[in-house]
N, C-alpha and C. Protein backbone atom coordinates (compact mmCIF):
# COMPACT_ATOMS: atom_id res chain seq x y z
N MET A 1 108.05 -181.21 71.14
CA MET A 1 107.40 -180.98 69.84
C MET A 1 107.88 -181.87 68.64
N ALA A 2 109.07 -182.09 68.70
CA ALA A 2 109.59 -183.06 67.70
C ALA A 2 109.13 -184.51 68.09
N GLU A 3 108.95 -184.73 69.42
CA GLU A 3 108.47 -186.08 69.91
C GLU A 3 107.21 -186.26 69.30
N ASP A 4 106.26 -185.08 69.57
CA ASP A 4 104.95 -185.16 69.07
C ASP A 4 104.76 -185.54 67.50
N LYS A 5 105.72 -184.87 66.86
CA LYS A 5 105.76 -185.16 65.45
C LYS A 5 106.15 -186.66 64.91
N ASP A 6 107.06 -187.16 65.81
CA ASP A 6 107.47 -188.55 65.79
C ASP A 6 106.40 -189.53 66.02
N ASN A 7 105.70 -189.18 67.00
CA ASN A 7 104.50 -190.09 67.62
C ASN A 7 103.39 -189.96 66.41
N ASN A 8 103.14 -188.82 65.97
CA ASN A 8 102.16 -188.63 64.76
C ASN A 8 102.53 -189.65 63.58
N ASP A 9 103.83 -189.54 63.29
CA ASP A 9 104.42 -190.33 62.22
C ASP A 9 104.38 -191.89 62.36
N THR A 10 104.55 -192.27 63.54
CA THR A 10 104.51 -193.68 64.01
C THR A 10 103.06 -194.12 63.81
N GLU A 11 102.09 -193.18 64.31
CA GLU A 11 100.71 -193.64 64.15
C GLU A 11 100.18 -193.83 62.91
N GLN A 12 100.68 -192.83 61.90
CA GLN A 12 100.26 -192.76 60.64
C GLN A 12 100.80 -194.02 59.86
N THR A 13 101.86 -194.46 60.12
CA THR A 13 102.67 -195.67 59.42
C THR A 13 101.83 -196.85 59.96
N GLU A 14 101.56 -196.88 61.31
CA GLU A 14 100.68 -198.10 61.87
C GLU A 14 99.37 -198.14 61.20
N GLU A 15 98.71 -197.01 60.95
CA GLU A 15 97.52 -197.05 60.51
C GLU A 15 97.54 -197.43 58.85
N GLN A 16 98.54 -197.01 58.25
CA GLN A 16 98.69 -197.44 56.78
C GLN A 16 98.98 -198.85 56.74
N THR A 17 99.87 -199.47 57.49
CA THR A 17 100.15 -200.86 57.38
C THR A 17 98.94 -201.73 57.88
N GLY A 18 98.22 -201.18 58.83
CA GLY A 18 96.95 -201.93 59.24
C GLY A 18 95.91 -201.81 58.19
N GLY A 19 95.78 -200.68 57.37
CA GLY A 19 94.92 -200.60 56.38
C GLY A 19 95.37 -201.77 55.04
N LYS A 20 96.65 -201.66 54.74
CA LYS A 20 97.05 -202.46 53.84
C LYS A 20 96.88 -204.03 54.28
N LYS A 21 96.96 -204.43 55.50
CA LYS A 21 96.81 -205.72 55.97
C LYS A 21 95.31 -205.99 55.84
N LYS A 22 94.44 -205.10 56.10
CA LYS A 22 93.02 -205.32 55.95
C LYS A 22 92.64 -205.66 54.37
N LYS A 23 93.28 -204.86 53.69
CA LYS A 23 92.94 -204.91 52.26
C LYS A 23 93.42 -206.26 51.53
N LEU A 24 94.68 -206.65 52.00
CA LEU A 24 95.26 -207.85 51.72
C LEU A 24 94.32 -209.07 52.18
N ILE A 25 93.97 -208.99 53.40
CA ILE A 25 92.99 -210.14 53.87
C ILE A 25 91.69 -210.19 53.19
N ILE A 26 91.15 -209.01 52.84
CA ILE A 26 89.85 -208.88 52.13
C ILE A 26 90.05 -209.63 50.66
N PHE A 27 91.12 -209.03 49.90
CA PHE A 27 91.22 -209.40 48.59
C PHE A 27 91.76 -211.04 48.53
N GLY A 28 92.41 -211.34 49.61
CA GLY A 28 92.90 -212.77 49.54
C GLY A 28 91.67 -213.71 49.86
N GLY A 29 90.78 -213.43 50.63
CA GLY A 29 89.55 -213.93 50.84
C GLY A 29 88.64 -214.23 49.63
N ILE A 30 88.49 -212.98 48.95
CA ILE A 30 87.83 -212.90 47.65
C ILE A 30 88.28 -213.87 46.64
N GLY A 31 89.71 -213.98 46.60
CA GLY A 31 90.40 -214.71 45.60
C GLY A 31 90.08 -216.35 46.05
N ILE A 32 90.20 -216.52 47.14
CA ILE A 32 90.02 -217.98 47.59
C ILE A 32 88.48 -218.50 47.50
N VAL A 33 87.66 -217.58 47.65
CA VAL A 33 86.16 -217.87 47.44
C VAL A 33 86.11 -218.07 45.86
N LEU A 34 86.55 -217.31 44.97
CA LEU A 34 86.52 -217.38 43.54
C LEU A 34 87.12 -218.69 43.14
N ILE A 35 88.15 -219.07 43.75
CA ILE A 35 88.96 -220.33 43.21
C ILE A 35 88.09 -221.48 43.65
N ILE A 36 87.45 -221.51 44.83
CA ILE A 36 86.69 -222.50 45.29
C ILE A 36 85.37 -222.59 44.41
N THR A 37 84.90 -221.56 44.07
CA THR A 37 83.70 -221.66 43.17
C THR A 37 83.97 -222.17 41.90
N VAL A 38 85.10 -221.65 41.12
CA VAL A 38 85.48 -222.21 39.92
C VAL A 38 85.60 -223.71 39.95
N VAL A 39 86.33 -224.25 40.76
CA VAL A 39 86.72 -225.72 41.11
C VAL A 39 85.33 -226.52 41.14
N LEU A 40 84.40 -225.91 42.06
CA LEU A 40 83.16 -226.57 42.29
C LEU A 40 82.36 -226.73 41.07
N VAL A 41 82.34 -225.68 40.28
CA VAL A 41 81.41 -225.62 38.99
C VAL A 41 82.07 -226.53 37.95
N LEU A 42 83.30 -226.43 37.98
CA LEU A 42 84.08 -227.41 36.99
C LEU A 42 83.81 -228.94 37.38
N TRP A 43 83.85 -229.02 38.74
CA TRP A 43 83.69 -230.57 39.19
C TRP A 43 82.28 -231.03 39.02
N LEU A 44 81.20 -230.12 39.32
CA LEU A 44 79.92 -230.46 39.05
C LEU A 44 79.54 -230.62 37.63
N PHE A 45 79.78 -229.66 36.89
CA PHE A 45 79.28 -229.61 35.57
C PHE A 45 80.27 -229.91 34.34
N GLY A 46 81.61 -229.75 34.57
CA GLY A 46 82.39 -229.99 33.47
C GLY A 46 83.26 -231.28 33.56
N GLY A 47 82.99 -232.08 34.50
CA GLY A 47 83.85 -233.34 34.59
C GLY A 47 83.36 -234.20 33.74
N SER A 48 84.29 -235.00 33.12
CA SER A 48 84.11 -236.11 32.11
C SER A 48 83.75 -237.36 33.02
N SER A 49 82.94 -238.24 32.19
CA SER A 49 82.56 -239.68 32.84
C SER A 49 83.74 -240.57 32.69
N GLU A 50 83.59 -241.59 33.53
CA GLU A 50 84.69 -242.62 33.24
C GLU A 50 84.79 -243.26 31.92
N GLY A 51 83.67 -243.29 31.18
CA GLY A 51 83.75 -243.96 29.85
C GLY A 51 84.28 -243.03 28.92
N GLU A 52 84.22 -241.74 29.11
CA GLU A 52 84.87 -240.76 28.18
C GLU A 52 86.50 -240.82 28.43
N SER A 53 86.72 -240.83 29.79
CA SER A 53 88.26 -240.89 30.11
C SER A 53 88.78 -242.09 29.67
N ALA A 54 88.14 -243.32 29.75
CA ALA A 54 88.82 -244.53 29.39
C ALA A 54 88.88 -244.41 27.75
N ALA A 55 87.92 -244.00 27.14
CA ALA A 55 88.12 -243.80 25.56
C ALA A 55 89.18 -242.90 25.24
N ALA A 56 89.24 -241.89 25.99
CA ALA A 56 90.47 -240.91 25.69
C ALA A 56 91.76 -241.46 25.94
N GLU A 57 91.89 -242.37 26.79
CA GLU A 57 93.14 -243.09 27.13
C GLU A 57 93.56 -244.10 26.06
N ASN A 58 92.55 -244.55 25.42
CA ASN A 58 92.69 -245.64 24.29
C ASN A 58 92.85 -244.93 22.97
N GLY A 59 92.88 -243.63 22.92
CA GLY A 59 93.07 -242.88 21.77
C GLY A 59 91.75 -242.72 20.97
N MET A 60 90.65 -242.86 21.55
CA MET A 60 89.41 -242.83 20.79
C MET A 60 88.57 -241.50 21.34
N SER A 61 88.00 -240.77 20.61
CA SER A 61 87.34 -239.71 20.94
C SER A 61 85.98 -240.20 21.61
N SER A 62 85.33 -239.60 22.23
CA SER A 62 83.87 -239.93 22.89
C SER A 62 82.93 -240.20 21.73
N ALA A 63 82.98 -239.41 20.62
CA ALA A 63 82.12 -239.69 19.45
C ALA A 63 82.38 -240.97 18.73
N ALA A 64 83.58 -241.50 18.79
CA ALA A 64 84.01 -242.66 18.07
C ALA A 64 83.86 -243.83 19.05
N ALA A 65 83.63 -243.68 20.41
CA ALA A 65 83.46 -244.79 21.22
C ALA A 65 82.29 -245.63 20.94
N PRO A 66 82.32 -246.91 21.05
CA PRO A 66 81.03 -247.75 20.64
C PRO A 66 80.03 -247.51 21.63
N SER A 67 78.78 -247.57 21.22
CA SER A 67 77.69 -247.33 22.16
C SER A 67 77.41 -248.60 22.71
N SER A 68 76.90 -248.49 24.07
CA SER A 68 76.58 -249.63 24.95
C SER A 68 75.16 -250.06 24.64
N SER A 69 74.40 -249.37 23.92
CA SER A 69 72.86 -249.59 23.73
C SER A 69 72.84 -250.84 22.67
N PRO A 70 71.98 -251.69 23.13
CA PRO A 70 71.77 -252.98 22.40
C PRO A 70 71.14 -252.70 20.99
N ARG A 71 70.06 -251.77 20.73
CA ARG A 71 69.44 -251.54 19.61
C ARG A 71 70.47 -250.72 18.68
N PRO A 72 70.27 -250.99 17.37
CA PRO A 72 71.14 -250.03 16.46
C PRO A 72 70.50 -248.68 16.36
N GLU A 73 71.65 -247.80 15.96
CA GLU A 73 71.14 -246.36 15.79
C GLU A 73 70.45 -246.29 14.38
N ILE A 74 69.24 -245.57 14.49
CA ILE A 74 68.34 -245.52 13.17
C ILE A 74 68.34 -244.07 12.58
N GLY A 75 69.17 -243.21 13.31
CA GLY A 75 69.05 -241.72 12.91
C GLY A 75 68.57 -240.93 14.16
N ASN A 76 68.89 -239.64 13.98
CA ASN A 76 68.68 -238.79 15.01
C ASN A 76 67.16 -238.52 14.85
N ALA A 77 66.40 -238.06 15.91
CA ALA A 77 64.99 -237.61 15.73
C ALA A 77 65.20 -236.29 15.47
N LEU A 78 64.46 -235.76 14.50
CA LEU A 78 64.39 -234.32 14.06
C LEU A 78 62.96 -233.81 14.03
N TYR A 79 62.68 -232.84 14.28
CA TYR A 79 61.37 -232.09 14.31
C TYR A 79 61.09 -231.21 13.13
N VAL A 80 60.04 -231.37 12.41
CA VAL A 80 59.70 -230.51 11.28
C VAL A 80 58.38 -229.65 11.68
N GLY A 81 58.41 -228.53 11.92
CA GLY A 81 57.20 -227.76 12.30
C GLY A 81 56.42 -227.32 11.34
N MET A 82 55.22 -227.29 11.36
CA MET A 82 54.24 -226.77 10.50
C MET A 82 54.38 -225.31 10.41
N PRO A 83 54.38 -224.66 9.21
CA PRO A 83 54.66 -223.30 9.18
C PRO A 83 53.61 -222.32 9.87
N ARG A 84 52.24 -222.88 9.87
CA ARG A 84 51.19 -221.98 10.63
C ARG A 84 50.38 -222.95 11.27
N PRO A 85 49.66 -222.48 12.39
CA PRO A 85 48.68 -223.31 12.99
C PRO A 85 47.43 -223.58 12.27
N PHE A 86 46.83 -224.77 12.47
CA PHE A 86 45.63 -225.15 11.84
C PHE A 86 44.42 -224.63 12.59
N VAL A 87 43.51 -223.93 11.95
CA VAL A 87 42.45 -223.26 12.53
C VAL A 87 41.27 -223.80 11.80
N PHE A 88 40.22 -224.35 12.63
CA PHE A 88 39.13 -224.87 11.82
C PHE A 88 37.89 -224.92 12.81
N ILE A 89 36.69 -225.10 12.28
CA ILE A 89 35.42 -225.13 13.13
C ILE A 89 35.03 -226.59 13.11
N VAL A 90 34.73 -226.97 14.41
CA VAL A 90 34.05 -228.33 14.60
C VAL A 90 32.77 -228.25 15.23
N PRO A 91 32.02 -229.21 14.95
CA PRO A 91 30.64 -229.25 15.65
C PRO A 91 30.62 -229.74 17.01
N GLY A 92 29.86 -229.01 17.94
CA GLY A 92 29.82 -229.32 19.36
C GLY A 92 28.55 -229.74 19.81
N ASP A 93 28.26 -229.83 21.06
CA ASP A 93 26.95 -230.17 21.71
C ASP A 93 25.94 -229.22 21.25
N SER A 94 26.20 -227.92 21.70
CA SER A 94 25.21 -227.01 21.60
C SER A 94 25.54 -226.00 20.49
N ARG A 95 26.85 -225.86 20.23
CA ARG A 95 27.26 -224.90 19.15
C ARG A 95 28.63 -225.27 18.61
N GLU A 96 29.03 -224.60 17.49
CA GLU A 96 30.22 -224.93 16.82
C GLU A 96 31.29 -224.41 17.62
N ARG A 97 32.46 -225.02 17.63
CA ARG A 97 33.68 -224.44 18.33
C ARG A 97 34.65 -224.16 17.26
N THR A 98 35.60 -223.17 17.58
CA THR A 98 36.73 -222.92 16.80
C THR A 98 37.85 -223.60 17.47
N VAL A 99 38.78 -224.29 16.79
CA VAL A 99 39.94 -224.96 17.12
C VAL A 99 40.97 -224.58 16.55
N GLN A 100 42.26 -224.43 17.29
CA GLN A 100 43.57 -224.11 16.76
C GLN A 100 44.54 -225.16 17.29
N ILE A 101 45.31 -225.82 16.39
CA ILE A 101 46.15 -226.86 16.67
C ILE A 101 47.51 -226.54 16.04
N LYS A 102 48.62 -226.37 16.79
CA LYS A 102 50.03 -226.32 16.27
C LYS A 102 50.46 -227.69 16.26
N ALA A 103 51.15 -228.17 15.18
CA ALA A 103 51.63 -229.33 15.17
C ALA A 103 53.20 -229.56 14.70
N GLN A 104 53.69 -230.55 15.00
CA GLN A 104 55.11 -230.73 14.50
C GLN A 104 55.12 -232.32 14.20
N LEU A 105 56.07 -232.57 13.17
CA LEU A 105 56.28 -233.97 12.89
C LEU A 105 57.77 -234.37 13.36
N MET A 106 57.76 -235.58 13.95
CA MET A 106 59.01 -236.13 14.26
C MET A 106 59.45 -237.09 13.08
N VAL A 107 60.56 -236.95 12.65
CA VAL A 107 61.11 -237.80 11.65
C VAL A 107 62.56 -238.32 12.05
N ARG A 108 62.87 -239.48 11.44
CA ARG A 108 64.35 -239.92 11.75
C ARG A 108 65.27 -239.62 10.50
N GLY A 109 66.30 -239.04 10.88
CA GLY A 109 67.35 -238.80 9.77
C GLY A 109 67.05 -237.60 8.78
N GLU A 110 68.26 -236.90 8.42
CA GLU A 110 68.19 -235.83 7.52
C GLU A 110 67.36 -236.06 6.16
N GLU A 111 67.38 -237.22 5.53
CA GLU A 111 66.75 -237.46 4.26
C GLU A 111 65.23 -237.39 4.64
N SER A 112 64.84 -237.85 5.64
CA SER A 112 63.29 -237.97 6.07
C SER A 112 62.84 -236.38 6.34
N GLU A 113 63.71 -235.70 7.01
CA GLU A 113 63.60 -234.32 7.36
C GLU A 113 63.31 -233.59 5.93
N GLU A 114 64.12 -233.73 5.05
CA GLU A 114 64.15 -233.07 3.70
C GLU A 114 62.82 -233.39 2.97
N LEU A 115 62.54 -234.76 3.02
CA LEU A 115 61.16 -235.06 2.31
C LEU A 115 60.14 -234.42 2.80
N ALA A 116 60.00 -234.46 4.25
CA ALA A 116 58.84 -233.89 4.93
C ALA A 116 58.86 -232.29 4.68
N LYS A 117 59.78 -231.55 4.60
CA LYS A 117 59.95 -230.28 4.35
C LYS A 117 59.40 -229.98 2.82
N LYS A 118 59.84 -230.80 1.95
CA LYS A 118 59.43 -230.65 0.55
C LYS A 118 58.09 -230.81 0.35
N HIS A 119 57.34 -231.77 1.13
CA HIS A 119 55.99 -232.08 1.00
C HIS A 119 55.07 -231.38 2.07
N ILE A 120 55.59 -230.26 2.48
CA ILE A 120 54.65 -229.64 3.54
C ILE A 120 53.25 -229.32 2.96
N PRO A 121 53.02 -228.72 1.84
CA PRO A 121 51.63 -228.63 1.38
C PRO A 121 50.66 -229.86 1.49
N LEU A 122 51.33 -231.00 1.08
CA LEU A 122 50.56 -232.25 1.21
C LEU A 122 50.18 -232.68 2.49
N ILE A 123 51.17 -232.41 3.45
CA ILE A 123 51.08 -232.82 4.82
C ILE A 123 49.89 -231.91 5.49
N GLU A 124 50.09 -230.54 5.07
CA GLU A 124 49.07 -229.58 5.61
C GLU A 124 47.63 -229.92 5.21
N GLY A 125 47.49 -230.14 3.98
CA GLY A 125 46.28 -230.50 3.55
C GLY A 125 45.62 -231.55 4.13
N THR A 126 46.59 -232.83 4.32
CA THR A 126 46.06 -234.07 4.87
C THR A 126 45.69 -233.90 6.22
N LEU A 127 46.50 -233.07 7.14
CA LEU A 127 46.25 -232.81 8.58
C LEU A 127 44.77 -232.07 8.69
N HIS A 128 44.83 -231.01 7.78
CA HIS A 128 43.48 -230.29 7.75
C HIS A 128 42.13 -231.01 7.58
N GLU A 129 42.29 -231.89 6.71
CA GLU A 129 41.27 -232.89 6.55
C GLU A 129 40.75 -233.71 7.79
N VAL A 130 41.89 -234.32 8.23
CA VAL A 130 41.74 -234.99 9.59
C VAL A 130 41.15 -234.43 10.75
N PHE A 131 41.87 -233.12 10.85
CA PHE A 131 41.44 -232.39 11.98
C PHE A 131 39.94 -231.83 11.93
N SER A 132 39.55 -231.38 10.68
CA SER A 132 38.22 -230.87 10.44
C SER A 132 37.21 -231.94 10.50
N SER A 133 37.60 -233.25 10.50
CA SER A 133 36.60 -234.22 10.60
C SER A 133 36.18 -234.72 12.12
N THR A 134 36.82 -234.02 12.98
CA THR A 134 36.44 -234.38 14.26
C THR A 134 35.48 -233.73 14.89
N THR A 135 35.17 -233.92 16.15
CA THR A 135 34.07 -233.23 16.74
C THR A 135 34.62 -232.52 18.16
N ALA A 136 33.99 -231.54 18.79
CA ALA A 136 34.35 -230.93 19.90
C ALA A 136 34.49 -231.97 21.17
N ASP A 137 33.44 -232.76 21.09
CA ASP A 137 33.33 -233.92 22.15
C ASP A 137 34.69 -234.58 22.25
N ARG A 138 35.08 -235.06 21.06
CA ARG A 138 36.35 -235.82 21.00
C ARG A 138 37.48 -235.02 21.37
N LEU A 139 37.59 -233.77 21.28
CA LEU A 139 38.83 -233.10 21.61
C LEU A 139 38.82 -232.69 23.12
N LYS A 140 37.70 -232.87 23.66
CA LYS A 140 37.63 -232.58 25.15
C LYS A 140 38.43 -233.52 25.92
N THR A 141 38.44 -234.78 25.49
CA THR A 141 39.14 -235.78 26.35
C THR A 141 40.53 -236.14 25.87
N ALA A 142 41.41 -236.46 26.68
CA ALA A 142 42.86 -236.96 26.28
C ALA A 142 42.80 -238.12 25.41
N GLU A 143 41.80 -238.99 25.69
CA GLU A 143 41.81 -240.10 24.76
C GLU A 143 41.35 -239.85 23.48
N GLY A 144 40.36 -238.95 23.32
CA GLY A 144 40.08 -238.40 21.84
C GLY A 144 41.17 -237.58 21.04
N LYS A 145 42.01 -236.75 22.02
CA LYS A 145 43.14 -236.13 21.34
C LYS A 145 44.23 -237.20 20.89
N GLY A 146 44.29 -238.35 21.72
CA GLY A 146 45.33 -239.32 21.21
C GLY A 146 44.90 -240.01 20.09
N GLN A 147 43.52 -240.36 19.97
CA GLN A 147 42.93 -240.96 18.62
C GLN A 147 43.20 -240.10 17.49
N LEU A 148 42.90 -238.84 17.71
CA LEU A 148 43.08 -237.74 16.55
C LEU A 148 44.63 -237.91 15.98
N ARG A 149 45.44 -237.77 16.99
CA ARG A 149 46.98 -237.86 16.77
C ARG A 149 47.24 -239.18 15.81
N GLU A 150 46.74 -240.25 16.34
CA GLU A 150 46.97 -241.59 15.74
C GLU A 150 46.44 -241.43 14.28
N LEU A 151 45.11 -241.05 14.15
CA LEU A 151 44.54 -240.84 12.84
C LEU A 151 45.39 -239.93 11.80
N ALA A 152 45.85 -238.90 12.49
CA ALA A 152 46.60 -238.03 11.72
C ALA A 152 47.83 -238.67 11.13
N LEU A 153 48.55 -239.32 12.16
CA LEU A 153 49.76 -240.00 11.71
C LEU A 153 49.54 -241.14 10.65
N THR A 154 48.49 -241.87 10.66
CA THR A 154 48.15 -242.85 9.71
C THR A 154 47.94 -242.13 8.38
N GLU A 155 47.11 -241.07 8.33
CA GLU A 155 46.67 -240.55 6.99
C GLU A 155 47.97 -239.69 6.43
N VAL A 156 48.80 -239.08 7.38
CA VAL A 156 50.05 -238.46 6.80
C VAL A 156 51.05 -239.47 6.19
N ARG A 157 51.25 -240.54 7.05
CA ARG A 157 51.97 -241.58 6.39
C ARG A 157 51.63 -242.20 5.16
N SER A 158 50.26 -242.41 5.00
CA SER A 158 49.81 -243.01 3.89
C SER A 158 49.90 -242.05 2.54
N ALA A 159 49.58 -240.83 2.89
CA ALA A 159 49.79 -239.82 1.82
C ALA A 159 51.31 -239.56 1.33
N LEU A 160 52.08 -239.63 2.28
CA LEU A 160 53.64 -239.51 1.97
C LEU A 160 54.24 -240.80 1.25
N GLU A 161 53.63 -241.87 1.76
CA GLU A 161 53.92 -243.19 1.12
C GLU A 161 53.64 -243.29 -0.48
N GLU A 162 52.51 -242.80 -0.70
CA GLU A 162 52.08 -242.82 -2.19
C GLU A 162 53.00 -241.88 -2.98
N VAL A 163 53.55 -240.69 -2.49
CA VAL A 163 54.27 -239.91 -3.22
C VAL A 163 55.79 -240.25 -3.17
N THR A 164 56.28 -240.62 -2.00
CA THR A 164 57.67 -240.82 -1.78
C THR A 164 58.14 -242.36 -1.80
N GLY A 165 57.14 -243.22 -1.40
CA GLY A 165 57.36 -244.78 -1.46
C GLY A 165 57.84 -245.02 -0.25
N LYS A 166 57.81 -244.20 0.92
CA LYS A 166 58.06 -244.56 2.38
C LYS A 166 57.40 -243.63 3.23
N PRO A 167 57.06 -244.05 4.44
CA PRO A 167 56.22 -243.51 5.39
C PRO A 167 56.96 -242.06 5.80
N VAL A 168 58.09 -241.75 6.02
CA VAL A 168 58.76 -240.60 6.45
C VAL A 168 58.56 -240.23 7.79
N VAL A 169 57.18 -240.12 8.22
CA VAL A 169 56.87 -239.38 9.56
C VAL A 169 56.72 -240.47 10.56
N GLU A 170 57.43 -240.26 11.72
CA GLU A 170 57.21 -241.46 12.92
C GLU A 170 56.23 -240.74 13.87
N GLN A 171 56.01 -239.72 14.10
CA GLN A 171 54.96 -239.14 14.90
C GLN A 171 54.34 -237.87 14.52
N VAL A 172 53.14 -237.65 14.77
CA VAL A 172 52.63 -236.22 14.67
C VAL A 172 52.39 -235.83 16.10
N LEU A 173 53.00 -234.59 16.39
CA LEU A 173 52.90 -234.10 17.94
C LEU A 173 52.12 -232.83 17.77
N PHE A 174 51.20 -232.74 19.00
CA PHE A 174 50.44 -231.56 19.05
C PHE A 174 51.26 -230.55 19.93
N THR A 175 51.78 -229.40 19.54
CA THR A 175 52.63 -228.58 20.43
C THR A 175 51.53 -227.70 21.26
N SER A 176 50.33 -227.29 20.68
CA SER A 176 49.33 -226.59 21.13
C SER A 176 47.90 -226.87 20.65
N LEU A 177 46.96 -227.03 21.49
CA LEU A 177 45.57 -227.28 21.13
C LEU A 177 44.69 -226.28 21.92
N VAL A 178 44.07 -225.50 21.23
CA VAL A 178 43.06 -224.42 21.96
C VAL A 178 41.70 -224.49 21.16
N MET A 179 40.69 -224.76 22.15
CA MET A 179 39.41 -224.83 21.61
C MET A 179 38.58 -223.90 22.28
N GLN A 180 37.73 -223.04 21.45
CA GLN A 180 36.84 -222.07 22.05
C GLN A 180 35.43 -222.36 21.81
């Protein structure tokens, strides 16, 4: 009977150590997988380029490193959104059509951005005049939309140039155009 008790104790300790070993192997495997995942993510997405590391060795930050582009920097492109879409009616082949255009202006530099924001009512009025003067046939083709965009840019630039002394806007972009 005592021997049976000893046999039961040894079986239980063997089961406990076997269970501990299994847990150790499982947690060790999970840890290794996590470490490999972190290393791969850092290597793929967080690694610095050779230019940045060379600039860091010379004591220069990446922002202060000289740019290799041949053209001079003329300012960041900033986008000024019109506060509301333009909704207007245009004549079509058989009937009038309702058009909705959402537009944004591309400007260079913060000064131009502030000027554009300051003169939004003038820009909206000019764009509404240009958009209302088009036809449904013109808006059906990509070429017609491009011509409308160019005409809008020309008119907005001239209106802003009269007020501010400079054209301010670099591009007029259509972010949405719906015709019904």
